[in-house]
Amino acid sequence: MSQEILEYCILHLISKREINSSDLVEQLIEAQLIEAEGSIYPLLHRLKSEAWLSTRVEESEGNPPKKYYLLTEAGRKSLENYAHNWKKLTRTVQTLLKKK
């Protein structure tokens, strides 16, 4: 799986709602985009360092704190770019596959 496709999917999921890392990992595993949760955390860290994501931590009694991810304005712009490029790529591939 391309790193860019995974980034696009992560940004898309986070754009729908604020999401904690365990729910995000669960959705990505269910969609068969990743196989193990450890592979996602370096990517989330990088997206945050690029200012595409922000986080908030929610404390809870008796449980470890949960980290929630939110899309920043820069993340929304990146998501729009990914969406545009994805549509362009799929049109190109479909055109190529239809040629004889």
Protein backbone atom coordinates (compact mmCIF):
# COMPACT_ATOMS: atom_id res chain seq x y z
CA MET A 1 0.00 0.00 0.00
CA SER A 2 1.26 3.41 -0.94
CA GLN A 3 2.07 5.73 1.96
CA GLU A 4 0.15 8.50 0.20
CA ILE A 5 -3.00 6.39 -0.08
CA LEU A 6 -2.81 5.58 3.61
CA GLU A 7 -2.32 9.27 4.44
CA TYR A 8 -5.34 10.15 2.30
CA CYS A 9 -7.49 7.56 4.09
CA ILE A 10 -6.32 8.72 7.52
CA LEU A 11 -7.03 12.36 6.74
CA HIS A 12 -10.44 11.41 5.37
CA LEU A 13 -11.39 9.43 8.49
CA ILE A 14 -10.23 12.22 10.79
CA SER A 15 -12.09 14.82 8.72
CA LYS A 16 -15.39 13.09 9.51
CA ARG A 17 -15.01 13.53 13.27
CA GLU A 18 -12.53 13.83 16.05
CA ILE A 19 -11.23 10.30 16.54
CA ASN A 20 -9.01 8.57 19.06
CA SER A 21 -6.07 6.54 17.90
CA SER A 22 -7.50 3.14 18.86
CA ASP A 23 -10.73 3.77 16.89
CA LEU A 24 -8.69 4.99 13.93
CA VAL A 25 -6.47 1.91 14.02
CA GLU A 26 -9.52 -0.35 14.28
CA GLN A 27 -11.12 1.23 11.19
CA LEU A 28 -7.89 0.96 9.19
CA ILE A 29 -7.44 -2.71 10.14
CA GLU A 30 -11.09 -3.48 9.29
CA ALA A 31 -10.59 -1.84 5.90
CA GLN A 32 -7.42 -3.93 5.47
CA LEU A 33 -5.31 -0.82 4.99
CA ILE A 34 -2.92 -1.82 7.77
CA GLU A 35 -2.18 -5.11 9.49
CA ALA A 36 -0.80 -3.93 12.83
CA GLU A 37 -1.40 -0.87 14.93
CA GLY A 38 2.26 -0.06 15.45
CA SER A 39 2.67 0.89 11.81
CA ILE A 40 0.29 3.84 12.10
CA TYR A 41 1.80 5.79 15.01
CA PRO A 42 4.93 7.06 13.21
CA LEU A 43 2.67 8.28 10.39
CA LEU A 44 0.31 10.05 12.81
CA HIS A 45 3.33 11.67 14.47
CA ARG A 46 4.61 12.90 11.10
CA LEU A 47 1.20 14.26 10.07
CA LYS A 48 1.05 16.12 13.37
CA SER A 49 4.58 17.50 12.92
CA GLU A 50 3.54 18.74 9.46
CA ALA A 51 0.65 20.57 11.18
CA TRP A 52 -1.99 18.55 9.32
CA LEU A 53 -3.30 17.15 12.60
CA SER A 54 -3.78 18.46 16.08
CA THR A 55 -4.43 16.41 19.18
CA ARG A 56 -6.19 16.69 22.46
CA VAL A 57 -5.84 14.35 25.40
CA GLU A 58 -8.80 13.26 27.46
CA GLU A 59 -8.08 12.00 30.94
CA SER A 60 -10.24 9.25 32.41
CA GLU A 61 -10.34 7.74 35.88
CA GLY A 62 -8.78 4.33 36.10
CA ASN A 63 -7.87 4.20 32.41
CA PRO A 64 -4.96 5.60 30.44
CA PRO A 65 -5.64 8.99 28.81
CA LYS A 66 -7.00 8.90 25.25
CA LYS A 67 -5.46 10.96 22.49
CA TYR A 68 -7.91 12.38 19.95
CA TYR A 69 -6.90 13.58 16.50
CA LEU A 70 -8.44 16.52 14.68
CA LEU A 71 -7.77 17.89 11.22
CA THR A 72 -6.19 21.35 11.03
CA GLU A 73 -6.82 23.83 8.23
CA ALA A 74 -3.56 22.69 6.60
CA GLY A 75 -4.79 19.10 6.92
CA ARG A 76 -8.07 20.02 5.21
CA LYS A 77 -6.17 21.58 2.33
CA SER A 78 -3.98 18.49 2.06
CA LEU A 79 -7.07 16.30 2.08
CA GLU A 80 -8.55 18.37 -0.77
CA ASN A 81 -5.30 17.93 -2.74
CA TYR A 82 -5.33 14.18 -2.13
CA ALA A 83 -8.97 13.98 -3.23
CA HIS A 84 -8.24 15.91 -6.41
CA ASN A 85 -5.20 13.78 -7.23
CA TRP A 86 -7.10 10.56 -6.44
CA LYS A 87 -9.92 11.48 -8.84
CA LYS A 88 -7.41 12.36 -11.52
CA LEU A 89 -5.50 9.10 -10.99
CA THR A 90 -8.62 6.93 -11.09
CA ARG A 91 -9.84 8.63 -14.29
CA THR A 92 -6.44 8.08 -15.89
CA VAL A 93 -6.32 4.42 -14.87
CA GLN A 94 -9.88 3.80 -16.06
CA THR A 95 -9.09 5.42 -19.41
CA LEU A 96 -5.96 3.32 -19.76
CA LEU A 97 -7.79 0.08 -18.86
CA LYS A 98 -10.50 0.76 -21.45
CA LYS A 99 -7.98 1.10 -24.29
CA LYS A 100 -7.50 -1.92 -26.50
